Amino acid sequence: MELAIVGDTPAVLRVACIGEMCVPPRTEPLVERYGVEVYKRRVVIGLAGVTFMDSGGINWLVTCQKRFLTHGGRMVLHSVPEVVRKVFDLLNLWAVLKVVATETDALALP
């Protein structure tokens, strides 16, 4: 999985996930790329470019959500492709993760 910066302002970090969301255990792609302080920020993550998601990707998103909540930040996902939507439906991740339809919707949240 590739993480690409879409935009970075003091108010929000906008990131796009691209490719297969297969995250090995005990790795933190956001921290590796943006540092541990990322969990204190508001981060908007676009998933439109994700082509596949395995259990490592699921674990990574859930772990990130917990870390954002613990450290006072916020993670919002948007533009969920059908392949990811099916996984979210199967595991009811809609109840755990903050997901909106578009980046505009994500940026409109406080």
PDB file of N, CA and C in Angstrom:
ATOM      1  N   MET A   1       0.844  -1.170   0.000  1.00  0.00           N
ATOM      2  CA  MET A   1       0.000   0.000   0.000  1.00  0.00           C
ATOM      3  C   MET A   1       0.889   1.231   0.000  1.00  0.00           C
ATOM      4  N   GLU A   2       0.510   2.175  -0.790  1.00  0.00           N
ATOM      5  CA  GLU A   2       1.206   3.454  -0.846  1.00  0.00           C
ATOM      6  C   GLU A   2       0.333   4.507  -0.178  1.00  0.00           C
ATOM      7  N   LEU A   3       0.955   5.369   0.621  1.00  0.00           N
ATOM      8  CA  LEU A   3       0.269   6.518   1.195  1.00  0.00           C
ATOM      9  C   LEU A   3       0.779   7.761   0.473  1.00  0.00           C
ATOM     10  N   ALA A   4      -0.124   8.493  -0.123  1.00  0.00           N
ATOM     11  CA  ALA A   4       0.250   9.699  -0.853  1.00  0.00           C
ATOM     12  C   ALA A   4      -0.367  10.912  -0.175  1.00  0.00           C
ATOM     13  N   ILE A   5       0.431  11.949   0.007  1.00  0.00           N
ATOM     14  CA  ILE A   5      -0.086  13.191   0.573  1.00  0.00           C
ATOM     15  C   ILE A   5      -0.932  13.896  -0.482  1.00  0.00           C
ATOM     16  N   VAL A   6      -2.156  14.206  -0.113  1.00  0.00           N
ATOM     17  CA  VAL A   6      -3.048  14.973  -0.979  1.00  0.00           C
ATOM     18  C   VAL A   6      -2.966  16.441  -0.575  1.00  0.00           C
ATOM     19  N   GLY A   7      -2.813  16.683   0.724  1.00  0.00           N
ATOM     20  CA  GLY A   7      -2.682  18.036   1.238  1.00  0.00           C
ATOM     21  C   GLY A   7      -2.270  17.992   2.695  1.00  0.00           C
ATOM     22  N   ASP A   8      -1.538  19.004   3.130  1.00  0.00           N
ATOM     23  CA  ASP A   8      -1.084  19.054   4.515  1.00  0.00           C
ATOM     24  C   ASP A   8      -1.096  20.497   4.978  1.00  0.00           C
ATOM     25  N   THR A   9      -2.053  20.823   5.830  1.00  0.00           N
ATOM     26  CA  THR A   9      -2.156  22.142   6.436  1.00  0.00           C
ATOM     27  C   THR A   9      -2.140  21.959   7.947  1.00  0.00           C
ATOM     28  N   PRO A  10      -1.998  23.026   8.700  1.00  0.00           N
ATOM     29  CA  PRO A  10      -2.067  22.872  10.162  1.00  0.00           C
ATOM     30  C   PRO A  10      -3.398  22.281  10.633  1.00  0.00           C
ATOM     31  N   ALA A  11      -4.464  22.501   9.879  1.00  0.00           N
ATOM     32  CA  ALA A  11      -5.789  22.021  10.280  1.00  0.00           C
ATOM     33  C   ALA A  11      -6.024  20.553   9.960  1.00  0.00           C
ATOM     34  N   VAL A  12      -5.486  20.071   8.846  1.00  0.00           N
ATOM     35  CA  VAL A  12      -5.814  18.703   8.420  1.00  0.00           C
ATOM     36  C   VAL A  12      -4.726  18.138   7.505  1.00  0.00           C
ATOM     37  N   LEU A  13      -4.463  16.861   7.697  1.00  0.00           N
ATOM     38  CA  LEU A  13      -3.587  16.102   6.796  1.00  0.00           C
ATOM     39  C   LEU A  13      -4.493  15.250   5.927  1.00  0.00           C
ATOM     40  N   ARG A  14      -4.366  15.397   4.604  1.00  0.00           N
ATOM     41  CA  ARG A  14      -5.174  14.624   3.660  1.00  0.00           C
ATOM     42  C   ARG A  14      -4.267  13.617   2.969  1.00  0.00           C
ATOM     43  N   VAL A  15      -4.665  12.336   3.062  1.00  0.00           N
ATOM     44  CA  VAL A  15      -3.855  11.230   2.563  1.00  0.00           C
ATOM     45  C   VAL A  15      -4.713  10.345   1.666  1.00  0.00           C
ATOM     46  N   ALA A  16      -4.090   9.769   0.656  1.00  0.00           N
ATOM     47  CA  ALA A  16      -4.763   8.787  -0.200  1.00  0.00           C
ATOM     48  C   ALA A  16      -4.048   7.442  -0.053  1.00  0.00           C
ATOM     49  N   CYS A  17      -4.815   6.389   0.149  1.00  0.00           N
ATOM     50  CA  CYS A  17      -4.271   5.028   0.150  1.00  0.00           C
ATOM     51  C   CYS A  17      -4.409   4.487  -1.266  1.00  0.00           C
ATOM     52  N   ILE A  18      -3.324   3.896  -1.762  1.00  0.00           N
ATOM     53  CA  ILE A  18      -3.314   3.418  -3.138  1.00  0.00           C
ATOM     54  C   ILE A  18      -2.793   1.993  -3.175  1.00  0.00           C
ATOM     55  N   GLY A  19      -3.488   1.129  -3.914  1.00  0.00           N
ATOM     56  CA  GLY A  19      -3.033  -0.246  -4.094  1.00  0.00           C
ATOM     57  C   GLY A  19      -3.659  -1.207  -3.108  1.00  0.00           C
ATOM     58  N   GLU A  20      -2.955  -2.298  -2.857  1.00  0.00           N
ATOM     59  CA  GLU A  20      -3.447  -3.345  -1.957  1.00  0.00           C
ATOM     60  C   GLU A  20      -3.187  -2.952  -0.511  1.00  0.00           C
ATOM     61  N   MET A  21      -4.238  -2.909   0.282  1.00  0.00           N
ATOM     62  CA  MET A  21      -4.103  -2.558   1.692  1.00  0.00           C
ATOM     63  C   MET A  21      -3.796  -3.833   2.464  1.00  0.00           C
ATOM     64  N   CYS A  22      -2.541  -4.220   2.403  1.00  0.00           N
ATOM     65  CA  CYS A  22      -2.015  -5.385   3.100  1.00  0.00           C
ATOM     66  C   CYS A  22      -0.921  -4.880   4.029  1.00  0.00           C
ATOM     67  N   VAL A  23      -1.247  -4.686   5.285  1.00  0.00           N
ATOM     68  CA  VAL A  23      -0.318  -4.079   6.232  1.00  0.00           C
ATOM     69  C   VAL A  23       0.216  -5.164   7.160  1.00  0.00           C
ATOM     70  N   PRO A  24       1.525  -5.394   7.154  1.00  0.00           N
ATOM     71  CA  PRO A  24       2.108  -6.413   8.030  1.00  0.00           C
ATOM     72  C   PRO A  24       1.874  -6.074   9.504  1.00  0.00           C
ATOM     73  N   PRO A  25       1.803  -7.105  10.361  1.00  0.00           N
ATOM     74  CA  PRO A  25       1.615  -6.866  11.795  1.00  0.00           C
ATOM     75  C   PRO A  25       2.709  -5.955  12.352  1.00  0.00           C
ATOM     76  N   ARG A  26       2.327  -5.182  13.342  1.00  0.00           N
ATOM     77  CA  ARG A  26       3.242  -4.296  14.077  1.00  0.00           C
ATOM     78  C   ARG A  26       3.912  -3.235  13.209  1.00  0.00           C
ATOM     79  N   THR A  27       3.284  -2.882  12.103  1.00  0.00           N
ATOM     80  CA  THR A  27       3.785  -1.767  11.307  1.00  0.00           C
ATOM     81  C   THR A  27       2.769  -0.643  11.381  1.00  0.00           C
ATOM     82  N   GLU A  28       3.257   0.572  11.295  1.00  0.00           N
ATOM     83  CA  GLU A  28       2.396   1.746  11.364  1.00  0.00           C
ATOM     84  C   GLU A  28       2.730   2.685  10.209  1.00  0.00           C
ATOM     85  N   PRO A  29       2.119   2.466   9.060  1.00  0.00           N
ATOM     86  CA  PRO A  29       2.440   3.283   7.889  1.00  0.00           C
ATOM     87  C   PRO A  29       2.299   4.785   8.105  1.00  0.00           C
ATOM     88  N   LEU A  30       1.298   5.224   8.856  1.00  0.00           N
ATOM     89  CA  LEU A  30       1.150   6.658   9.099  1.00  0.00           C
ATOM     90  C   LEU A  30       2.309   7.200   9.923  1.00  0.00           C
ATOM     91  N   VAL A  31       2.717   6.472  10.958  1.00  0.00           N
ATOM     92  CA  VAL A  31       3.829   6.911  11.808  1.00  0.00           C
ATOM     93  C   VAL A  31       5.133   6.883  11.030  1.00  0.00           C
ATOM     94  N   GLU A  32       5.323   5.846  10.234  1.00  0.00           N
ATOM     95  CA  GLU A  32       6.549   5.748   9.427  1.00  0.00           C
ATOM     96  C   GLU A  32       6.678   6.929   8.472  1.00  0.00           C
ATOM     97  N   ARG A  33       5.560   7.392   7.976  1.00  0.00           N
ATOM     98  CA  ARG A  33       5.567   8.469   6.985  1.00  0.00           C
ATOM     99  C   ARG A  33       5.499   9.868   7.599  1.00  0.00           C
ATOM    100  N   TYR A  34       4.689  10.002   8.689  1.00  0.00           N
ATOM    101  CA  TYR A  34       4.402  11.335   9.212  1.00  0.00           C
ATOM    102  C   TYR A  34       4.812  11.544  10.670  1.00  0.00           C
ATOM    103  N   GLY A  35       5.335  10.509  11.335  1.00  0.00           N
ATOM    104  CA  GLY A  35       5.756  10.631  12.723  1.00  0.00           C
ATOM    105  C   GLY A  35       4.628  10.336  13.702  1.00  0.00           C
ATOM    106  N   VAL A  36       5.003  10.063  14.935  1.00  0.00           N
ATOM    107  CA  VAL A  36       4.038   9.656  15.958  1.00  0.00           C
ATOM    108  C   VAL A  36       3.030  10.763  16.282  1.00  0.00           C
ATOM    109  N   GLU A  37       3.386  12.001  16.034  1.00  0.00           N
ATOM    110  CA  GLU A  37       2.474  13.124  16.300  1.00  0.00           C
ATOM    111  C   GLU A  37       1.242  13.101  15.388  1.00  0.00           C
ATOM    112  N   VAL A  38       1.258  12.274  14.369  1.00  0.00           N
ATOM    113  CA  VAL A  38       0.131  12.197  13.442  1.00  0.00           C
ATOM    114  C   VAL A  38      -1.166  11.836  14.172  1.00  0.00           C
ATOM    115  N   TYR A  39      -1.057  11.067  15.260  1.00  0.00           N
ATOM    116  CA  TYR A  39      -2.248  10.649  15.991  1.00  0.00           C
ATOM    117  C   TYR A  39      -2.896  11.777  16.788  1.00  0.00           C
ATOM    118  N   LYS A  40      -2.249  12.917  16.857  1.00  0.00           N
ATOM    119  CA  LYS A  40      -2.819  14.092  17.519  1.00  0.00           C
ATOM    120  C   LYS A  40      -3.507  15.013  16.513  1.00  0.00           C
ATOM    121  N   ARG A  41      -3.427  14.655  15.249  1.00  0.00           N
ATOM    122  CA  ARG A  41      -3.935  15.512  14.180  1.00  0.00           C
ATOM    123  C   ARG A  41      -5.292  15.048  13.676  1.00  0.00           C
ATOM    124  N   ARG A  42      -5.881  15.885  12.859  1.00  0.00           N
ATOM    125  CA  ARG A  42      -7.071  15.514  12.097  1.00  0.00           C
ATOM    126  C   ARG A  42      -6.562  14.996  10.759  1.00  0.00           C
ATOM    127  N   VAL A  43      -6.874  13.740  10.457  1.00  0.00           N
ATOM    128  CA  VAL A  43      -6.371  13.096   9.239  1.00  0.00           C
ATOM    129  C   VAL A  43      -7.560  12.559   8.440  1.00  0.00           C
ATOM    130  N   VAL A  44      -7.593  12.935   7.180  1.00  0.00           N
ATOM    131  CA  VAL A  44      -8.638  12.498   6.251  1.00  0.00           C
ATOM    132  C   VAL A  44      -7.972  11.544   5.266  1.00  0.00           C
ATOM    133  N   ILE A  45      -8.494  10.317   5.206  1.00  0.00           N
ATOM    134  CA  ILE A  45      -7.875   9.285   4.374  1.00  0.00           C
ATOM    135  C   ILE A  45      -8.837   8.846   3.276  1.00  0.00           C
ATOM    136  N   GLY A  46      -8.411   9.020   2.034  1.00  0.00           N
ATOM    137  CA  GLY A  46      -9.189   8.579   0.881  1.00  0.00           C
ATOM    138  C   GLY A  46      -8.836   7.148   0.523  1.00  0.00           C
ATOM    139  N   LEU A  47      -9.852   6.339   0.312  1.00  0.00           N
ATOM    140  CA  LEU A  47      -9.648   4.929   0.006  1.00  0.00           C
ATOM    141  C   LEU A  47      -9.980   4.580  -1.442  1.00  0.00           C
ATOM    142  N   ALA A  48     -10.278   5.554  -2.274  1.00  0.00           N
ATOM    143  CA  ALA A  48     -10.701   5.287  -3.653  1.00  0.00           C
ATOM    144  C   ALA A  48      -9.695   4.451  -4.426  1.00  0.00           C
ATOM    145  N   GLY A  49      -8.405   4.581  -4.113  1.00  0.00           N
ATOM    146  CA  GLY A  49      -7.364   3.864  -4.844  1.00  0.00           C
ATOM    147  C   GLY A  49      -7.042   2.484  -4.307  1.00  0.00           C
ATOM    148  N   VAL A  50      -7.770   2.039  -3.286  1.00  0.00           N
ATOM    149  CA  VAL A  50      -7.515   0.712  -2.713  1.00  0.00           C
ATOM    150  C   VAL A  50      -8.134  -0.351  -3.618  1.00  0.00           C
ATOM    151  N   THR A  51      -7.325  -1.343  -3.974  1.00  0.00           N
ATOM    152  CA  THR A  51      -7.782  -2.404  -4.883  1.00  0.00           C
ATOM    153  C   THR A  51      -8.050  -3.727  -4.174  1.00  0.00           C
ATOM    154  N   PHE A  52      -7.573  -3.849  -2.940  1.00  0.00           N
ATOM    155  CA  PHE A  52      -7.733  -5.084  -2.168  1.00  0.00           C
ATOM    156  C   PHE A  52      -7.457  -4.762  -0.710  1.00  0.00           C
ATOM    157  N   MET A  53      -8.131  -5.476   0.196  1.00  0.00           N
ATOM    158  CA  MET A  53      -7.882  -5.286   1.626  1.00  0.00           C
ATOM    159  C   MET A  53      -7.855  -6.640   2.302  1.00  0.00           C
ATOM    160  N   ASP A  54      -6.771  -6.899   3.062  1.00  0.00           N
ATOM    161  CA  ASP A  54      -6.713  -8.153   3.818  1.00  0.00           C
ATOM    162  C   ASP A  54      -6.879  -7.846   5.306  1.00  0.00           C
ATOM    163  N   SER A  55      -6.733  -8.867   6.140  1.00  0.00           N
ATOM    164  CA  SER A  55      -6.935  -8.691   7.576  1.00  0.00           C
ATOM    165  C   SER A  55      -5.932  -7.705   8.174  1.00  0.00           C
ATOM    166  N   GLY A  56      -4.739  -7.636   7.597  1.00  0.00           N
ATOM    167  CA  GLY A  56      -3.761  -6.659   8.065  1.00  0.00           C
ATOM    168  C   GLY A  56      -4.221  -5.232   7.841  1.00  0.00           C
ATOM    169  N   GLY A  57      -4.869  -4.981   6.716  1.00  0.00           N
ATOM    170  CA  GLY A  57      -5.414  -3.655   6.435  1.00  0.00           C
ATOM    171  C   GLY A  57      -6.550  -3.300   7.383  1.00  0.00           C
ATOM    172  N   ILE A  58      -7.395  -4.276   7.660  1.00  0.00           N
ATOM    173  CA  ILE A  58      -8.495  -4.074   8.606  1.00  0.00           C
ATOM    174  C   ILE A  58      -7.931  -3.753   9.986  1.00  0.00           C
ATOM    175  N   ASN A  59      -6.982  -4.576  10.427  1.00  0.00           N
ATOM    176  CA  ASN A  59      -6.366  -4.371  11.735  1.00  0.00           C
ATOM    177  C   ASN A  59      -5.717  -2.987  11.815  1.00  0.00           C
ATOM    178  N   TRP A  60      -5.045  -2.582  10.752  1.00  0.00           N
ATOM    179  CA  TRP A  60      -4.388  -1.284  10.739  1.00  0.00           C
ATOM    180  C   TRP A  60      -5.394  -0.154  10.920  1.00  0.00           C
ATOM    181  N   LEU A  61      -6.510  -0.188  10.192  1.00  0.00           N
ATOM    182  CA  LEU A  61      -7.513   0.867  10.314  1.00  0.00           C
ATOM    183  C   LEU A  61      -8.114   0.926  11.719  1.00  0.00           C
ATOM    184  N   VAL A  62      -8.439  -0.239  12.281  1.00  0.00           N
ATOM    185  CA  VAL A  62      -9.032  -0.283  13.620  1.00  0.00           C
ATOM    186  C   VAL A  62      -8.019   0.202  14.662  1.00  0.00           C
ATOM    187  N   THR A  63      -6.773  -0.222  14.534  1.00  0.00           N
ATOM    188  CA  THR A  63      -5.722   0.220  15.449  1.00  0.00           C
ATOM    189  C   THR A  63      -5.505   1.731  15.336  1.00  0.00           C
ATOM    190  N   CYS A  64      -5.487   2.238  14.114  1.00  0.00           N
ATOM    191  CA  CYS A  64      -5.347   3.687  13.917  1.00  0.00           C
ATOM    192  C   CYS A  64      -6.485   4.431  14.600  1.00  0.00           C
ATOM    193  N   GLN A  65      -7.702   3.947  14.416  1.00  0.00           N
ATOM    194  CA  GLN A  65      -8.858   4.610  15.028  1.00  0.00           C
ATOM    195  C   GLN A  65      -8.672   4.706  16.539  1.00  0.00           C
ATOM    196  N   LYS A  66      -8.243   3.623  17.151  1.00  0.00           N
ATOM    197  CA  LYS A  66      -8.028   3.605  18.601  1.00  0.00           C
ATOM    198  C   LYS A  66      -6.938   4.609  18.992  1.00  0.00           C
ATOM    199  N   ARG A  67      -5.859   4.647  18.243  1.00  0.00           N
ATOM    200  CA  ARG A  67      -4.755   5.558  18.568  1.00  0.00           C
ATOM    201  C   ARG A  67      -5.148   7.024  18.394  1.00  0.00           C
ATOM    202  N   PHE A  68      -5.917   7.311  17.359  1.00  0.00           N
ATOM    203  CA  PHE A  68      -6.395   8.678  17.181  1.00  0.00           C
ATOM    204  C   PHE A  68      -7.269   9.095  18.366  1.00  0.00           C
ATOM    205  N   LEU A  69      -8.164   8.226  18.780  1.00  0.00           N
ATOM    206  CA  LEU A  69      -9.031   8.532  19.919  1.00  0.00           C
ATOM    207  C   LEU A  69      -8.216   8.724  21.197  1.00  0.00           C
ATOM    208  N   THR A  70      -7.229   7.872  21.407  1.00  0.00           N
ATOM    209  CA  THR A  70      -6.390   7.940  22.607  1.00  0.00           C
ATOM    210  C   THR A  70      -5.569   9.217  22.666  1.00  0.00           C
ATOM    211  N   HIS A  71      -5.065   9.674  21.515  1.00  0.00           N
ATOM    212  CA  HIS A  71      -4.146  10.809  21.478  1.00  0.00           C
ATOM    213  C   HIS A  71      -4.809  12.140  21.124  1.00  0.00           C
ATOM    214  N   GLY A  72      -6.132  12.138  20.989  1.00  0.00           N
ATOM    215  CA  GLY A  72      -6.838  13.390  20.767  1.00  0.00           C
ATOM    216  C   GLY A  72      -6.989  13.828  19.323  1.00  0.00           C
ATOM    217  N   GLY A  73      -6.591  12.979  18.389  1.00  0.00           N
ATOM    218  CA  GLY A  73      -6.745  13.297  16.974  1.00  0.00           C
ATOM    219  C   GLY A  73      -8.058  12.751  16.430  1.00  0.00           C
ATOM    220  N   ARG A  74      -8.162  12.787  15.125  1.00  0.00           N
ATOM    221  CA  ARG A  74      -9.376  12.268  14.484  1.00  0.00           C
ATOM    222  C   ARG A  74      -9.033  11.734  13.108  1.00  0.00           C
ATOM    223  N   MET A  75      -9.546  10.549  12.799  1.00  0.00           N
ATOM    224  CA  MET A  75      -9.363   9.941  11.487  1.00  0.00           C
ATOM    225  C   MET A  75     -10.734   9.805  10.830  1.00  0.00           C
ATOM    226  N   VAL A  76     -10.826  10.277   9.604  1.00  0.00           N
ATOM    227  CA  VAL A  76     -12.055  10.143   8.825  1.00  0.00           C
ATOM    228  C   VAL A  76     -11.691   9.509   7.487  1.00  0.00           C
ATOM    229  N   LEU A  77     -12.405   8.459   7.129  1.00  0.00           N
ATOM    230  CA  LEU A  77     -12.201   7.769   5.853  1.00  0.00           C
ATOM    231  C   LEU A  77     -13.268   8.222   4.870  1.00  0.00           C
ATOM    232  N   HIS A  78     -12.919   8.222   3.597  1.00  0.00           N
ATOM    233  CA  HIS A  78     -13.896   8.600   2.569  1.00  0.00           C
ATOM    234  C   HIS A  78     -13.613   7.865   1.262  1.00  0.00           C
ATOM    235  N   SER A  79     -14.560   7.960   0.358  1.00  0.00           N
ATOM    236  CA  SER A  79     -14.444   7.407  -0.996  1.00  0.00           C
ATOM    237  C   SER A  79     -14.113   5.916  -0.970  1.00  0.00           C
ATOM    238  N   VAL A  80     -14.950   5.165  -0.289  1.00  0.00           N
ATOM    239  CA  VAL A  80     -14.725   3.737  -0.099  1.00  0.00           C
ATOM    240  C   VAL A  80     -15.132   2.978  -1.363  1.00  0.00           C
ATOM    241  N   PRO A  81     -14.185   2.276  -2.001  1.00  0.00           N
ATOM    242  CA  PRO A  81     -14.534   1.505  -3.194  1.00  0.00           C
ATOM    243  C   PRO A  81     -15.328   0.248  -2.821  1.00  0.00           C
ATOM    244  N   GLU A  82     -15.981  -0.327  -3.784  1.00  0.00           N
ATOM    245  CA  GLU A  82     -16.851  -1.489  -3.556  1.00  0.00           C
ATOM    246  C   GLU A  82     -16.118  -2.638  -2.876  1.00  0.00           C
ATOM    247  N   VAL A  83     -14.886  -2.915  -3.263  1.00  0.00           N
ATOM    248  CA  VAL A  83     -14.138  -4.030  -2.684  1.00  0.00           C
ATOM    249  C   VAL A  83     -13.936  -3.825  -1.177  1.00  0.00           C
ATOM    250  N   VAL A  84     -13.738  -2.600  -0.748  1.00  0.00           N
ATOM    251  CA  VAL A  84     -13.576  -2.297   0.677  1.00  0.00           C
ATOM    252  C   VAL A  84     -14.938  -2.219   1.351  1.00  0.00           C
ATOM    253  N   ARG A  85     -15.905  -1.686   0.660  1.00  0.00           N
ATOM    254  CA  ARG A  85     -17.267  -1.580   1.205  1.00  0.00           C
ATOM    255  C   ARG A  85     -17.798  -2.961   1.617  1.00  0.00           C
ATOM    256  N   LYS A  86     -17.521  -3.968   0.826  1.00  0.00           N
ATOM    257  CA  LYS A  86     -17.973  -5.328   1.146  1.00  0.00           C
ATOM    258  C   LYS A  86     -17.346  -5.831   2.443  1.00  0.00           C
ATOM    259  N   VAL A  87     -16.074  -5.533   2.640  1.00  0.00           N
ATOM    260  CA  VAL A  87     -15.388  -5.919   3.875  1.00  0.00           C
ATOM    261  C   VAL A  87     -15.990  -5.161   5.059  1.00  0.00           C
ATOM    262  N   PHE A  88     -16.202  -3.862   4.897  1.00  0.00           N
ATOM    263  CA  PHE A  88     -16.797  -3.061   5.969  1.00  0.00           C
ATOM    264  C   PHE A  88     -18.186  -3.581   6.321  1.00  0.00           C
ATOM    265  N   ASP A  89     -18.966  -3.959   5.305  1.00  0.00           N
ATOM    266  CA  ASP A  89     -20.299  -4.508   5.545  1.00  0.00           C
ATOM    267  C   ASP A  89     -20.221  -5.831   6.315  1.00  0.00           C
ATOM    268  N   LEU A  90     -19.381  -6.727   5.858  1.00  0.00           N
ATOM    269  CA  LEU A  90     -19.250  -8.047   6.472  1.00  0.00           C
ATOM    270  C   LEU A  90     -18.870  -7.957   7.944  1.00  0.00           C
ATOM    271  N   LEU A  91     -17.956  -7.044   8.275  1.00  0.00           N
ATOM    272  CA  LEU A  91     -17.442  -6.927   9.641  1.00  0.00           C
ATOM    273  C   LEU A  91     -18.101  -5.807  10.447  1.00  0.00           C
ATOM    274  N   ASN A  92     -19.069  -5.140   9.850  1.00  0.00           N
ATOM    275  CA  ASN A  92     -19.755  -4.005  10.468  1.00  0.00           C
ATOM    276  C   ASN A  92     -18.768  -2.952  10.972  1.00  0.00           C
ATOM    277  N   LEU A  93     -17.784  -2.648  10.163  1.00  0.00           N
ATOM    278  CA  LEU A  93     -16.792  -1.641  10.535  1.00  0.00           C
ATOM    279  C   LEU A  93     -17.357  -0.229  10.514  1.00  0.00           C
ATOM    280  N   TRP A  94     -18.540  -0.084   9.957  1.00  0.00           N
ATOM    281  CA  TRP A  94     -19.195   1.233   9.931  1.00  0.00           C
ATOM    282  C   TRP A  94     -19.447   1.701  11.371  1.00  0.00           C
ATOM    283  N   ALA A  95     -19.622   0.757  12.291  1.00  0.00           N
ATOM    284  CA  ALA A  95     -19.883   1.105  13.693  1.00  0.00           C
ATOM    285  C   ALA A  95     -18.610   1.516  14.431  1.00  0.00           C
ATOM    286  N   VAL A  96     -17.451   1.155  13.890  1.00  0.00           N
ATOM    287  CA  VAL A  96     -16.173   1.397  14.564  1.00  0.00           C
ATOM    288  C   VAL A  96     -15.428   2.576  13.954  1.00  0.00           C
ATOM    289  N   LEU A  97     -15.473   2.695  12.646  1.00  0.00           N
ATOM    290  CA  LEU A  97     -14.708   3.707  11.922  1.00  0.00           C
ATOM    291  C   LEU A  97     -15.605   4.868  11.508  1.00  0.00           C
ATOM    292  N   LYS A  98     -15.047   6.057  11.444  1.00  0.00           N
ATOM    293  CA  LYS A  98     -15.787   7.211  10.930  1.00  0.00           C
ATOM    294  C   LYS A  98     -15.580   7.237   9.422  1.00  0.00           C
ATOM    295  N   VAL A  99     -16.669   7.005   8.678  1.00  0.00           N
ATOM    296  CA  VAL A  99     -16.601   6.926   7.216  1.00  0.00           C
ATOM    297  C   VAL A  99     -17.676   7.831   6.624  1.00  0.00           C
ATOM    298  N   VAL A 100     -17.281   8.638   5.657  1.00  0.00           N
ATOM    299  CA  VAL A 100     -18.214   9.491   4.933  1.00  0.00           C
ATOM    300  C   VAL A 100     -18.057   9.247   3.436  1.00  0.00           C
ATOM    301  N   ALA A 101     -18.971   9.759   2.655  1.00  0.00           N
ATOM    302  CA  ALA A 101     -18.986   9.465   1.220  1.00  0.00           C
ATOM    303  C   ALA A 101     -17.836  10.092   0.446  1.00  0.00           C
ATOM    304  N   THR A 102     -17.570  11.374   0.697  1.00  0.00           N
ATOM    305  CA  THR A 102     -16.591  12.086  -0.127  1.00  0.00           C
ATOM    306  C   THR A 102     -15.577  12.860   0.722  1.00  0.00           C
ATOM    307  N   GLU A 103     -14.514  13.289   0.073  1.00  0.00           N
ATOM    308  CA  GLU A 103     -13.534  14.124   0.764  1.00  0.00           C
ATOM    309  C   GLU A 103     -14.155  15.431   1.225  1.00  0.00           C
ATOM    310  N   THR A 104     -15.031  15.992   0.428  1.00  0.00           N
ATOM    311  CA  THR A 104     -15.739  17.225   0.818  1.00  0.00           C
ATOM    312  C   THR A 104     -16.508  17.019   2.110  1.00  0.00           C
ATOM    313  N   ASP A 105     -17.202  15.871   2.225  1.00  0.00           N
ATOM    314  CA  ASP A 105     -17.921  15.550   3.456  1.00  0.00           C
ATOM    315  C   ASP A 105     -16.969  15.426   4.638  1.00  0.00           C
ATOM    316  N   ALA A 106     -15.822  14.788   4.406  1.00  0.00           N
ATOM    317  CA  ALA A 106     -14.829  14.590   5.468  1.00  0.00           C
ATOM    318  C   ALA A 106     -14.280  15.937   5.953  1.00  0.00           C
ATOM    319  N   LEU A 107     -13.991  16.816   5.015  1.00  0.00           N
ATOM    320  CA  LEU A 107     -13.433  18.123   5.382  1.00  0.00           C
ATOM    321  C   LEU A 107     -14.459  19.021   6.063  1.00  0.00           C
ATOM    322  N   ALA A 108     -15.730  18.767   5.846  1.00  0.00           N
ATOM    323  CA  ALA A 108     -16.794  19.566   6.466  1.00  0.00           C
ATOM    324  C   ALA A 108     -17.009  19.210   7.939  1.00  0.00           C
ATOM    325  N   LEU A 109     -16.497  18.059   8.356  1.00  0.00           N
ATOM    326  CA  LEU A 109     -16.658  17.662   9.756  1.00  0.00           C
ATOM    327  C   LEU A 109     -15.735  18.494  10.644  1.00  0.00           C
ATOM    328  N   PRO A 110     -16.168  18.722  11.882  1.00  0.00           N
ATOM    329  CA  PRO A 110     -15.305  19.499  12.802  1.00  0.00           C
ATOM    330  C   PRO A 110     -14.061  18.733  13.202  1.00  0.00           C
TER     331      PRO A 110
END
